[in-house]
Amino acid sequence: LRMPGMEFASELVVRAALAGYDIAEVPTRLRRDGRS
């Protein structure tokens, strides 16, 4: 992996998919950002 910006999130999934990695998904909850 080599993308330094926000697109790192896409790079991780894309490279894993192209490499044939086993990718699963689980539910998770998103709450309001706690910062002001």
PDB file of all heavy atoms in Angstrom:
ATOM      1  N   LEU A   1       0.836  -1.203   0.000  1.00  0.00           N
ATOM      2  CA  LEU A   1       0.000   0.000   0.000  1.00  0.00           C
ATOM      3  C   LEU A   1       0.867   1.248   0.000  1.00  0.00           C
ATOM      4  O   LEU A   1       1.904   1.295   0.658  1.00  0.00           O
ATOM      5  CB  LEU A   1      -0.922  -0.003   1.220  1.00  0.00           C
ATOM      6  CG  LEU A   1      -1.822  -1.237   1.350  1.00  0.00           C
ATOM      7  CD1 LEU A   1      -2.585  -1.196   2.659  1.00  0.00           C
ATOM      8  CD2 LEU A   1      -2.775  -1.333   0.173  1.00  0.00           C
ATOM      9  N   ARG A   2       0.394   2.303  -0.713  1.00  0.00           N
ATOM     10  CA  ARG A   2       1.254   3.474  -0.858  1.00  0.00           C
ATOM     11  C   ARG A   2       0.514   4.796  -0.951  1.00  0.00           C
ATOM     12  O   ARG A   2       1.147   5.837  -1.070  1.00  0.00           O
ATOM     13  CB  ARG A   2       2.119   3.313  -2.104  1.00  0.00           C
ATOM     14  CG  ARG A   2       1.341   3.074  -3.383  1.00  0.00           C
ATOM     15  CD  ARG A   2       2.251   2.689  -4.519  1.00  0.00           C
ATOM     16  NE  ARG A   2       3.193   3.745  -4.839  1.00  0.00           N
ATOM     17  CZ  ARG A   2       4.278   3.561  -5.580  1.00  0.00           C
ATOM     18  NH1 ARG A   2       4.555   2.366  -6.037  1.00  0.00           N
ATOM     19  NH2 ARG A   2       5.072   4.570  -5.854  1.00  0.00           N
ATOM     20  N   MET A   3      -0.800   4.827  -0.930  1.00  0.00           N
ATOM     21  CA  MET A   3      -1.517   6.088  -1.064  1.00  0.00           C
ATOM     22  C   MET A   3      -1.548   6.819   0.272  1.00  0.00           C
ATOM     23  O   MET A   3      -2.076   6.290   1.260  1.00  0.00           O
ATOM     24  CB  MET A   3      -2.948   5.842  -1.560  1.00  0.00           C
ATOM     25  CG  MET A   3      -3.025   5.126  -2.894  1.00  0.00           C
ATOM     26  SD  MET A   3      -2.119   5.970  -4.214  1.00  0.00           S
ATOM     27  CE  MET A   3      -3.054   7.480  -4.363  1.00  0.00           C
ATOM     28  N   PRO A   4      -1.017   8.039   0.355  1.00  0.00           N
ATOM     29  CA  PRO A   4      -0.915   8.724   1.646  1.00  0.00           C
ATOM     30  C   PRO A   4      -2.172   9.461   2.068  1.00  0.00           C
ATOM     31  O   PRO A   4      -2.286   9.860   3.224  1.00  0.00           O
ATOM     32  CB  PRO A   4       0.223   9.722   1.411  1.00  0.00           C
ATOM     33  CG  PRO A   4       0.124  10.030  -0.056  1.00  0.00           C
ATOM     34  CD  PRO A   4      -0.324   8.761  -0.717  1.00  0.00           C
ATOM     35  N   GLY A   5      -3.119   9.658   1.155  1.00  0.00           N
ATOM     36  CA  GLY A   5      -4.297  10.455   1.469  1.00  0.00           C
ATOM     37  C   GLY A   5      -5.498   9.608   1.854  1.00  0.00           C
ATOM     38  O   GLY A   5      -5.396   8.431   2.195  1.00  0.00           O
ATOM     39  N   MET A   6      -6.688  10.225   1.758  1.00  0.00           N
ATOM     40  CA  MET A   6      -7.924   9.555   2.125  1.00  0.00           C
ATOM     41  C   MET A   6      -8.233   8.349   1.237  1.00  0.00           C
ATOM     42  O   MET A   6      -8.947   7.433   1.645  1.00  0.00           O
ATOM     43  CB  MET A   6      -9.098  10.539   2.053  1.00  0.00           C
ATOM     44  CG  MET A   6      -9.117  11.552   3.179  1.00  0.00           C
ATOM     45  SD  MET A   6      -9.504  10.783   4.762  1.00  0.00           S
ATOM     46  CE  MET A   6      -9.552  12.239   5.823  1.00  0.00           C
ATOM     47  N   GLU A   7      -7.680   8.337   0.007  1.00  0.00           N
ATOM     48  CA  GLU A   7      -7.956   7.222  -0.889  1.00  0.00           C
ATOM     49  C   GLU A   7      -7.284   5.928  -0.444  1.00  0.00           C
ATOM     50  O   GLU A   7      -7.501   4.864  -1.062  1.00  0.00           O
ATOM     51  CB  GLU A   7      -7.536   7.563  -2.317  1.00  0.00           C
ATOM     52  CG  GLU A   7      -6.065   7.859  -2.509  1.00  0.00           C
ATOM     53  CD  GLU A   7      -5.726   9.318  -2.338  1.00  0.00           C
ATOM     54  OE1 GLU A   7      -6.263   9.972  -1.418  1.00  0.00           O
ATOM     55  OE2 GLU A   7      -4.893   9.815  -3.120  1.00  0.00           O
ATOM     56  N   PHE A   8      -6.502   5.988   0.642  1.00  0.00           N
ATOM     57  CA  PHE A   8      -5.933   4.773   1.223  1.00  0.00           C
ATOM     58  C   PHE A   8      -7.032   3.765   1.555  1.00  0.00           C
ATOM     59  O   PHE A   8      -6.838   2.554   1.415  1.00  0.00           O
ATOM     60  CB  PHE A   8      -5.150   5.124   2.490  1.00  0.00           C
ATOM     61  CG  PHE A   8      -4.592   3.941   3.222  1.00  0.00           C
ATOM     62  CD1 PHE A   8      -3.346   3.430   2.918  1.00  0.00           C
ATOM     63  CD2 PHE A   8      -5.329   3.314   4.228  1.00  0.00           C
ATOM     64  CE1 PHE A   8      -2.830   2.325   3.591  1.00  0.00           C
ATOM     65  CE2 PHE A   8      -4.830   2.226   4.907  1.00  0.00           C
ATOM     66  CZ  PHE A   8      -3.573   1.720   4.590  1.00  0.00           C
ATOM     67  N   ALA A   9      -8.202   4.273   1.986  1.00  0.00           N
ATOM     68  CA  ALA A   9      -9.310   3.373   2.325  1.00  0.00           C
ATOM     69  C   ALA A   9      -9.724   2.544   1.120  1.00  0.00           C
ATOM     70  O   ALA A   9      -9.995   1.341   1.232  1.00  0.00           O
ATOM     71  CB  ALA A   9     -10.491   4.188   2.858  1.00  0.00           C
ATOM     72  N   SER A  10      -9.772   3.174  -0.059  1.00  0.00           N
ATOM     73  CA  SER A  10     -10.109   2.431  -1.281  1.00  0.00           C
ATOM     74  C   SER A  10      -8.966   1.516  -1.690  1.00  0.00           C
ATOM     75  O   SER A  10      -9.193   0.373  -2.116  1.00  0.00           O
ATOM     76  CB  SER A  10     -10.408   3.406  -2.420  1.00  0.00           C
ATOM     77  OG  SER A  10     -11.578   4.151  -2.167  1.00  0.00           O
ATOM     78  N   GLU A  11      -7.742   2.003  -1.568  1.00  0.00           N
ATOM     79  CA  GLU A  11      -6.596   1.203  -2.003  1.00  0.00           C
ATOM     80  C   GLU A  11      -6.525  -0.117  -1.252  1.00  0.00           C
ATOM     81  O   GLU A  11      -6.257  -1.166  -1.850  1.00  0.00           O
ATOM     82  CB  GLU A  11      -5.303   1.983  -1.805  1.00  0.00           C
ATOM     83  CG  GLU A  11      -4.087   1.221  -2.306  1.00  0.00           C
ATOM     84  CD  GLU A  11      -2.771   1.877  -1.977  1.00  0.00           C
ATOM     85  OE1 GLU A  11      -2.725   2.709  -1.046  1.00  0.00           O
ATOM     86  OE2 GLU A  11      -1.760   1.557  -2.631  1.00  0.00           O
ATOM     87  N   LEU A  12      -6.738  -0.086   0.049  1.00  0.00           N
ATOM     88  CA  LEU A  12      -6.646  -1.311   0.832  1.00  0.00           C
ATOM     89  C   LEU A  12      -7.630  -2.361   0.328  1.00  0.00           C
ATOM     90  O   LEU A  12      -7.269  -3.524   0.114  1.00  0.00           O
ATOM     91  CB  LEU A  12      -6.901  -1.003   2.310  1.00  0.00           C
ATOM     92  CG  LEU A  12      -6.548  -2.088   3.331  1.00  0.00           C
ATOM     93  CD1 LEU A  12      -6.302  -1.459   4.697  1.00  0.00           C
ATOM     94  CD2 LEU A  12      -7.642  -3.152   3.454  1.00  0.00           C
ATOM     95  N   VAL A  13      -8.875  -1.948   0.097  1.00  0.00           N
ATOM     96  CA  VAL A  13      -9.897  -2.907  -0.341  1.00  0.00           C
ATOM     97  C   VAL A  13      -9.631  -3.377  -1.765  1.00  0.00           C
ATOM     98  O   VAL A  13      -9.731  -4.566  -2.078  1.00  0.00           O
ATOM     99  CB  VAL A  13     -11.299  -2.280  -0.239  1.00  0.00           C
ATOM    100  CG1 VAL A  13     -12.359  -3.317  -0.559  1.00  0.00           C
ATOM    101  CG2 VAL A  13     -11.540  -1.722   1.148  1.00  0.00           C
ATOM    102  N   VAL A  14      -9.265  -2.443  -2.648  1.00  0.00           N
ATOM    103  CA  VAL A  14      -9.052  -2.795  -4.049  1.00  0.00           C
ATOM    104  C   VAL A  14      -7.873  -3.746  -4.205  1.00  0.00           C
ATOM    105  O   VAL A  14      -7.963  -4.776  -4.886  1.00  0.00           O
ATOM    106  CB  VAL A  14      -8.835  -1.515  -4.885  1.00  0.00           C
ATOM    107  CG1 VAL A  14      -8.336  -1.863  -6.281  1.00  0.00           C
ATOM    108  CG2 VAL A  14     -10.130  -0.722  -4.970  1.00  0.00           C
ATOM    109  N   ARG A  15      -6.756  -3.415  -3.577  1.00  0.00           N
ATOM    110  CA  ARG A  15      -5.591  -4.297  -3.706  1.00  0.00           C
ATOM    111  C   ARG A  15      -5.863  -5.666  -3.081  1.00  0.00           C
ATOM    112  O   ARG A  15      -5.412  -6.697  -3.600  1.00  0.00           O
ATOM    113  CB  ARG A  15      -4.372  -3.642  -3.060  1.00  0.00           C
ATOM    114  CG  ARG A  15      -3.781  -2.480  -3.846  1.00  0.00           C
ATOM    115  CD  ARG A  15      -2.419  -2.104  -3.294  1.00  0.00           C
ATOM    116  NE  ARG A  15      -1.879  -0.914  -3.903  1.00  0.00           N
ATOM    117  CZ  ARG A  15      -1.161  -0.891  -5.033  1.00  0.00           C
ATOM    118  NH1 ARG A  15      -0.930  -2.034  -5.670  1.00  0.00           N
ATOM    119  NH2 ARG A  15      -0.679   0.236  -5.512  1.00  0.00           N
ATOM    120  N   ALA A  16      -6.574  -5.691  -1.966  1.00  0.00           N
ATOM    121  CA  ALA A  16      -6.913  -6.974  -1.349  1.00  0.00           C
ATOM    122  C   ALA A  16      -7.798  -7.802  -2.270  1.00  0.00           C
ATOM    123  O   ALA A  16      -7.614  -9.020  -2.407  1.00  0.00           O
ATOM    124  CB  ALA A  16      -7.596  -6.742  -0.007  1.00  0.00           C
ATOM    125  N   ALA A  17      -8.769  -7.145  -2.923  1.00  0.00           N
ATOM    126  CA  ALA A  17      -9.654  -7.867  -3.843  1.00  0.00           C
ATOM    127  C   ALA A  17      -8.881  -8.403  -5.042  1.00  0.00           C
ATOM    128  O   ALA A  17      -9.064  -9.560  -5.450  1.00  0.00           O
ATOM    129  CB  ALA A  17     -10.781  -6.947  -4.301  1.00  0.00           C
ATOM    130  N   LEU A  18      -8.014  -7.581  -5.624  1.00  0.00           N
ATOM    131  CA  LEU A  18      -7.250  -8.013  -6.792  1.00  0.00           C
ATOM    132  C   LEU A  18      -6.256  -9.113  -6.444  1.00  0.00           C
ATOM    133  O   LEU A  18      -5.897  -9.917  -7.300  1.00  0.00           O
ATOM    134  CB  LEU A  18      -6.514  -6.816  -7.400  1.00  0.00           C
ATOM    135  CG  LEU A  18      -7.415  -5.721  -7.992  1.00  0.00           C
ATOM    136  CD1 LEU A  18      -6.592  -4.527  -8.439  1.00  0.00           C
ATOM    137  CD2 LEU A  18      -8.230  -6.269  -9.156  1.00  0.00           C
ATOM    138  N   ALA A  19      -5.808  -9.148  -5.185  1.00  0.00           N
ATOM    139  CA  ALA A  19      -4.892 -10.201  -4.750  1.00  0.00           C
ATOM    140  C   ALA A  19      -5.627 -11.482  -4.362  1.00  0.00           C
ATOM    141  O   ALA A  19      -4.981 -12.472  -3.996  1.00  0.00           O
ATOM    142  CB  ALA A  19      -4.058  -9.709  -3.568  1.00  0.00           C
ATOM    143  N   GLY A  20      -6.953 -11.470  -4.434  1.00  0.00           N
ATOM    144  CA  GLY A  20      -7.727 -12.668  -4.111  1.00  0.00           C
ATOM    145  C   GLY A  20      -7.897 -12.907  -2.624  1.00  0.00           C
ATOM    146  O   GLY A  20      -8.170 -14.038  -2.210  1.00  0.00           O
ATOM    147  N   TYR A  21      -7.772 -11.880  -1.801  1.00  0.00           N
ATOM    148  CA  TYR A  21      -7.916 -12.040  -0.363  1.00  0.00           C
ATOM    149  C   TYR A  21      -9.374 -12.312   0.010  1.00  0.00           C
ATOM    150  O   TYR A  21     -10.301 -11.913  -0.706  1.00  0.00           O
ATOM    151  CB  TYR A  21      -7.441 -10.786   0.370  1.00  0.00           C
ATOM    152  CG  TYR A  21      -5.936 -10.639   0.453  1.00  0.00           C
ATOM    153  CD1 TYR A  21      -5.075 -11.428  -0.305  1.00  0.00           C
ATOM    154  CD2 TYR A  21      -5.369  -9.701   1.309  1.00  0.00           C
ATOM    155  CE1 TYR A  21      -3.705 -11.279  -0.209  1.00  0.00           C
ATOM    156  CE2 TYR A  21      -3.987  -9.549   1.405  1.00  0.00           C
ATOM    157  CZ  TYR A  21      -3.167 -10.344   0.635  1.00  0.00           C
ATOM    158  OH  TYR A  21      -1.807 -10.196   0.735  1.00  0.00           O
ATOM    159  N   ASP A  22      -9.544 -12.967   1.135  1.00  0.00           N
ATOM    160  CA  ASP A  22     -10.878 -13.273   1.660  1.00  0.00           C
ATOM    161  C   ASP A  22     -11.372 -12.052   2.442  1.00  0.00           C
ATOM    162  O   ASP A  22     -10.839 -11.716   3.493  1.00  0.00           O
ATOM    163  CB  ASP A  22     -10.797 -14.501   2.568  1.00  0.00           C
ATOM    164  CG  ASP A  22     -12.160 -14.966   3.049  1.00  0.00           C
ATOM    165  OD1 ASP A  22     -13.149 -14.237   2.835  1.00  0.00           O
ATOM    166  OD2 ASP A  22     -12.244 -16.054   3.648  1.00  0.00           O
ATOM    167  N   ILE A  23     -12.396 -11.380   1.915  1.00  0.00           N
ATOM    168  CA  ILE A  23     -12.918 -10.161   2.518  1.00  0.00           C
ATOM    169  C   ILE A  23     -14.334 -10.420   3.035  1.00  0.00           C
ATOM    170  O   ILE A  23     -15.190 -10.897   2.290  1.00  0.00           O
ATOM    171  CB  ILE A  23     -12.932  -9.003   1.506  1.00  0.00           C
ATOM    172  CG1 ILE A  23     -11.519  -8.767   0.965  1.00  0.00           C
ATOM    173  CG2 ILE A  23     -13.480  -7.728   2.141  1.00  0.00           C
ATOM    174  CD1 ILE A  23     -11.455  -7.720  -0.126  1.00  0.00           C
ATOM    175  N   ALA A  24     -14.546 -10.115   4.297  1.00  0.00           N
ATOM    176  CA  ALA A  24     -15.864 -10.289   4.913  1.00  0.00           C
ATOM    177  C   ALA A  24     -16.347  -8.935   5.431  1.00  0.00           C
ATOM    178  O   ALA A  24     -15.611  -7.950   5.435  1.00  0.00           O
ATOM    179  CB  ALA A  24     -15.792 -11.312   6.043  1.00  0.00           C
ATOM    180  N   GLU A  25     -17.599  -8.906   5.885  1.00  0.00           N
ATOM    181  CA  GLU A  25     -18.184  -7.659   6.362  1.00  0.00           C
ATOM    182  C   GLU A  25     -19.042  -7.934   7.586  1.00  0.00           C
ATOM    183  O   GLU A  25     -19.738  -8.952   7.650  1.00  0.00           O
ATOM    184  CB  GLU A  25     -19.037  -7.028   5.251  1.00  0.00           C
ATOM    185  CG  GLU A  25     -19.385  -5.578   5.491  1.00  0.00           C
ATOM    186  CD  GLU A  25     -20.107  -4.974   4.294  1.00  0.00           C
ATOM    187  OE1 GLU A  25     -21.175  -5.492   3.922  1.00  0.00           O
ATOM    188  OE2 GLU A  25     -19.603  -3.986   3.730  1.00  0.00           O
ATOM    189  N   VAL A  26     -18.972  -7.028   8.558  1.00  0.00           N
ATOM    190  CA  VAL A  26     -19.771  -7.156   9.781  1.00  0.00           C
ATOM    191  C   VAL A  26     -20.446  -5.808  10.047  1.00  0.00           C
ATOM    192  O   VAL A  26     -19.907  -4.747   9.694  1.00  0.00           O
ATOM    193  CB  VAL A  26     -18.906  -7.572  10.996  1.00  0.00           C
ATOM    194  CG1 VAL A  26     -18.303  -8.952  10.784  1.00  0.00           C
ATOM    195  CG2 VAL A  26     -17.820  -6.537  11.265  1.00  0.00           C
ATOM    196  N   PRO A  27     -21.623  -5.817  10.675  1.00  0.00           N
ATOM    197  CA  PRO A  27     -22.292  -4.543  10.983  1.00  0.00           C
ATOM    198  C   PRO A  27     -21.526  -3.774  12.055  1.00  0.00           C
ATOM    199  O   PRO A  27     -20.938  -4.345  12.962  1.00  0.00           O
ATOM    200  CB  PRO A  27     -23.668  -4.988  11.502  1.00  0.00           C
ATOM    201  CG  PRO A  27     -23.810  -6.421  11.112  1.00  0.00           C
ATOM    202  CD  PRO A  27     -22.439  -6.988  11.054  1.00  0.00           C
ATOM    203  N   THR A  28     -21.543  -2.465  11.941  1.00  0.00           N
ATOM    204  CA  THR A  28     -20.983  -1.597  12.979  1.00  0.00           C
ATOM    205  C   THR A  28     -21.774  -0.300  13.003  1.00  0.00           C
ATOM    206  O   THR A  28     -22.309   0.121  11.980  1.00  0.00           O
ATOM    207  CB  THR A  28     -19.487  -1.310  12.725  1.00  0.00           C
ATOM    208  OG1 THR A  28     -18.927  -0.649  13.861  1.00  0.00           O
ATOM    209  CG2 THR A  28     -19.284  -0.424  11.506  1.00  0.00           C
ATOM    210  N   ARG A  29     -21.857   0.286  14.173  1.00  0.00           N
ATOM    211  CA  ARG A  29     -22.686   1.479  14.331  1.00  0.00           C
ATOM    212  C   ARG A  29     -21.843   2.749  14.193  1.00  0.00           C
ATOM    213  O   ARG A  29     -20.707   2.808  14.654  1.00  0.00           O
ATOM    214  CB  ARG A  29     -23.387   1.478  15.688  1.00  0.00           C
ATOM    215  CG  ARG A  29     -24.443   2.575  15.828  1.00  0.00           C
ATOM    216  CD  ARG A  29     -25.387   2.325  16.987  1.00  0.00           C
ATOM    217  NE  ARG A  29     -26.544   3.200  16.913  1.00  0.00           N
ATOM    218  CZ  ARG A  29     -27.631   2.965  16.182  1.00  0.00           C
ATOM    219  NH1 ARG A  29     -27.695   1.855  15.472  1.00  0.00           N
ATOM    220  NH2 ARG A  29     -28.635   3.814  16.156  1.00  0.00           N
ATOM    221  N   LEU A  30     -22.439   3.760  13.551  1.00  0.00           N
ATOM    222  CA  LEU A  30     -21.786   5.056  13.404  1.00  0.00           C
ATOM    223  C   LEU A  30     -22.531   6.083  14.243  1.00  0.00           C
ATOM    224  O   LEU A  30     -23.746   6.244  14.123  1.00  0.00           O
ATOM    225  CB  LEU A  30     -21.773   5.497  11.940  1.00  0.00           C
ATOM    226  CG  LEU A  30     -21.031   6.814  11.660  1.00  0.00           C
ATOM    227  CD1 LEU A  30     -19.526   6.630  11.848  1.00  0.00           C
ATOM    228  CD2 LEU A  30     -21.331   7.318  10.251  1.00  0.00           C
ATOM    229  N   ARG A  31     -21.770   6.768  15.102  1.00  0.00           N
ATOM    230  CA  ARG A  31     -22.358   7.801  15.959  1.00  0.00           C
ATOM    231  C   ARG A  31     -21.874   9.184  15.508  1.00  0.00           C
ATOM    232  O   ARG A  31     -20.971   9.292  14.680  1.00  0.00           O
ATOM    233  CB  ARG A  31     -21.970   7.556  17.422  1.00  0.00           C
ATOM    234  CG  ARG A  31     -22.533   6.250  17.974  1.00  0.00           C
ATOM    235  CD  ARG A  31     -22.125   6.052  19.426  1.00  0.00           C
ATOM    236  NE  ARG A  31     -22.807   4.919  20.018  1.00  0.00           N
ATOM    237  CZ  ARG A  31     -22.424   3.654  19.919  1.00  0.00           C
ATOM    238  NH1 ARG A  31     -21.327   3.373  19.231  1.00  0.00           N
ATOM    239  NH2 ARG A  31     -23.115   2.688  20.484  1.00  0.00           N
ATOM    240  N   ARG A  32     -22.465  10.198  16.060  1.00  0.00           N
ATOM    241  CA  ARG A  32     -22.059  11.560  15.726  1.00  0.00           C
ATOM    242  C   ARG A  32     -20.611  11.805  16.126  1.00  0.00           C
ATOM    243  O   ARG A  32     -20.160  11.360  17.187  1.00  0.00           O
ATOM    244  CB  ARG A  32     -22.964  12.572  16.434  1.00  0.00           C
ATOM    245  CG  ARG A  32     -24.353  12.691  15.857  1.00  0.00           C
ATOM    246  CD  ARG A  32     -25.155  13.736  16.606  1.00  0.00           C
ATOM    247  NE  ARG A  32     -24.582  15.053  16.435  1.00  0.00           N
ATOM    248  CZ  ARG A  32     -24.945  15.905  15.486  1.00  0.00           C
ATOM    249  NH1 ARG A  32     -25.873  15.556  14.604  1.00  0.00           N
ATOM    250  NH2 ARG A  32     -24.393  17.096  15.396  1.00  0.00           N
ATOM    251  N   ASP A  33     -19.903  12.511  15.278  1.00  0.00           N
ATOM    252  CA  ASP A  33     -18.530  12.929  15.561  1.00  0.00           C
ATOM    253  C   ASP A  33     -18.519  13.710  16.872  1.00  0.00           C
ATOM    254  O   ASP A  33     -19.324  14.617  17.086  1.00  0.00           O
ATOM    255  CB  ASP A  33     -18.069  13.806  14.394  1.00  0.00           C
ATOM    256  CG  ASP A  33     -16.611  14.218  14.493  1.00  0.00           C
ATOM    257  OD1 ASP A  33     -16.077  14.255  15.616  1.00  0.00           O
ATOM    258  OD2 ASP A  33     -16.016  14.501  13.453  1.00  0.00           O
ATOM    259  N   GLY A  34     -17.594  13.347  17.781  1.00  0.00           N
ATOM    260  CA  GLY A  34     -17.550  13.989  19.078  1.00  0.00           C
ATOM    261  C   GLY A  34     -16.774  15.282  19.125  1.00  0.00           C
ATOM    262  O   GLY A  34     -16.686  15.910  20.180  1.00  0.00           O
ATOM    263  N   ARG A  35     -16.223  15.721  18.003  1.00  0.00           N
ATOM    264  CA  ARG A  35     -15.407  16.928  17.992  1.00  0.00           C
ATOM    265  C   ARG A  35     -16.264  18.168  17.736  1.00  0.00           C
ATOM    266  O   ARG A  35     -17.316  18.096  17.095  1.00  0.00           O
ATOM    267  CB  ARG A  35     -14.323  16.834  16.915  1.00  0.00           C
ATOM    268  CG  ARG A  35     -13.387  15.659  17.092  1.00  0.00           C
ATOM    269  CD  ARG A  35     -12.517  15.443  15.872  1.00  0.00           C
ATOM    270  NE  ARG A  35     -13.314  15.092  14.690  1.00  0.00           N
ATOM    271  CZ  ARG A  35     -12.796  14.644  13.548  1.00  0.00           C
ATOM    272  NH1 ARG A  35     -11.492  14.505  13.442  1.00  0.00           N
ATOM    273  NH2 ARG A  35     -13.574  14.357  12.532  1.00  0.00           N
ATOM    274  N   SER A  36     -15.768  19.304  18.198  1.00  0.00           N
ATOM    275  CA  SER A  36     -16.462  20.566  17.949  1.00  0.00           C
ATOM    276  C   SER A  36     -15.986  21.225  16.662  1.00  0.00           C
ATOM    277  O   SER A  36     -16.649  22.117  16.137  1.00  0.00           O
ATOM    278  CB  SER A  36     -16.245  21.529  19.119  1.00  0.00           C
ATOM    279  OG  SER A  36     -14.852  21.801  19.302  1.00  0.00           O
TER     280      SER A  36
END
